[in-house]
Amino acid sequence: MVKSISLNEKLMLYLKISVVRYAFLEGAAIMGSVSFMINNNVFYLVISLLLILYLFKLRPTRKKVMGDLSFSPEEQRCFHLEN
């Protein structure tokens, strides 16, 4: 039997997963910046900048959230009303 998850539960789970993903990417970008400052190697700075750009690309938009969570028509309507 499949358990039905409410819209709020889906959004909270999505938030938790997104925060963990962003934290790992941000940590890697910070480590790259520190490595650049220690070693003066531009490669680390380029990697850090690419990770920051990737973080910007991952930012949650309404369309991305709806696509990632595959809402039912009822959930889509509620999601549009809340936002």
Protein backbone atom coordinates (compact mmCIF):
# COMPACT_ATOMS: atom_id res chain seq x y z
CA MET A 1 0.00 0.00 0.00
CA VAL A 2 1.41 3.40 -1.01
CA LYS A 3 1.26 6.12 1.63
CA SER A 4 0.00 9.44 0.34
CA ILE A 5 2.25 12.33 1.33
CA SER A 6 0.69 15.76 1.84
CA LEU A 7 1.88 18.83 -0.03
CA ASN A 8 3.49 20.32 3.09
CA GLU A 9 5.37 17.08 3.82
CA LYS A 10 6.65 16.95 0.24
CA LEU A 11 7.82 20.55 0.42
CA MET A 12 9.53 20.04 3.79
CA LEU A 13 11.34 16.95 2.52
CA TYR A 14 12.39 18.86 -0.61
CA LEU A 15 13.67 21.69 1.59
CA LYS A 16 15.71 19.32 3.76
CA ILE A 17 17.26 17.57 0.77
CA SER A 18 18.01 20.88 -0.94
CA VAL A 19 19.71 22.33 2.14
CA VAL A 20 21.99 19.29 2.40
CA ARG A 21 22.85 19.49 -1.31
CA TYR A 22 23.59 23.22 -1.09
CA ALA A 23 25.68 22.74 2.04
CA PHE A 24 27.93 20.17 0.36
CA LEU A 25 28.42 22.38 -2.69
CA GLU A 26 29.01 25.48 -0.59
CA GLY A 27 31.52 23.62 1.57
CA ALA A 28 33.44 22.50 -1.50
CA ALA A 29 33.42 26.06 -2.87
CA ILE A 30 34.72 27.44 0.43
CA MET A 31 37.45 24.79 0.57
CA GLY A 32 38.44 25.71 -2.98
CA SER A 33 38.66 29.37 -2.01
CA VAL A 34 40.81 28.56 1.01
CA SER A 35 43.03 26.36 -1.14
CA PHE A 36 43.42 29.24 -3.57
CA MET A 37 44.48 31.57 -0.75
CA ILE A 38 46.99 29.04 0.59
CA ASN A 39 48.48 27.81 -2.69
CA ASN A 40 47.89 30.81 -5.00
CA ASN A 41 46.77 28.36 -7.67
CA VAL A 42 44.03 29.82 -9.91
CA PHE A 43 42.65 26.33 -10.58
CA TYR A 44 41.08 26.26 -7.11
CA LEU A 45 39.50 29.65 -7.63
CA VAL A 46 38.01 28.56 -10.97
CA ILE A 47 36.55 25.44 -9.38
CA SER A 48 35.05 27.54 -6.58
CA LEU A 49 33.50 29.96 -9.05
CA LEU A 50 32.05 27.10 -11.10
CA LEU A 51 30.53 25.58 -7.96
CA ILE A 52 28.96 28.94 -7.06
CA LEU A 53 27.50 29.22 -10.56
CA TYR A 54 26.15 25.69 -10.21
CA LEU A 55 24.55 26.67 -6.90
CA PHE A 56 22.90 29.59 -8.67
CA LYS A 57 21.60 27.21 -11.35
CA LEU A 58 20.14 24.90 -8.69
CA ARG A 59 18.13 27.63 -6.98
CA PRO A 60 14.56 26.50 -6.45
CA THR A 61 12.02 28.10 -8.72
CA ARG A 62 8.33 27.32 -8.77
CA LYS A 63 8.69 25.43 -12.05
CA LYS A 64 11.64 23.35 -10.81
CA VAL A 65 9.92 22.44 -7.56
CA MET A 66 6.79 21.36 -9.39
CA GLY A 67 8.84 19.31 -11.85
CA ASP A 68 10.98 17.67 -9.17
CA LEU A 69 8.07 16.72 -6.94
CA SER A 70 5.63 15.76 -9.73
CA PHE A 71 2.55 17.27 -8.11
CA SER A 72 -0.94 16.01 -8.72
CA PRO A 73 -3.34 18.55 -10.29
CA GLU A 74 -4.84 19.26 -6.85
CA GLU A 75 -1.39 19.85 -5.35
CA GLN A 76 -0.46 22.13 -8.24
CA ARG A 77 -3.54 24.24 -7.59
CA CYS A 78 -2.76 24.48 -3.86
CA PHE A 79 0.89 25.25 -4.58
CA HIS A 80 -0.08 28.13 -6.87
CA LEU A 81 -2.49 29.50 -4.27
CA GLU A 82 0.13 29.42 -1.49
CA ASN A 83 2.78 31.15 -3.57
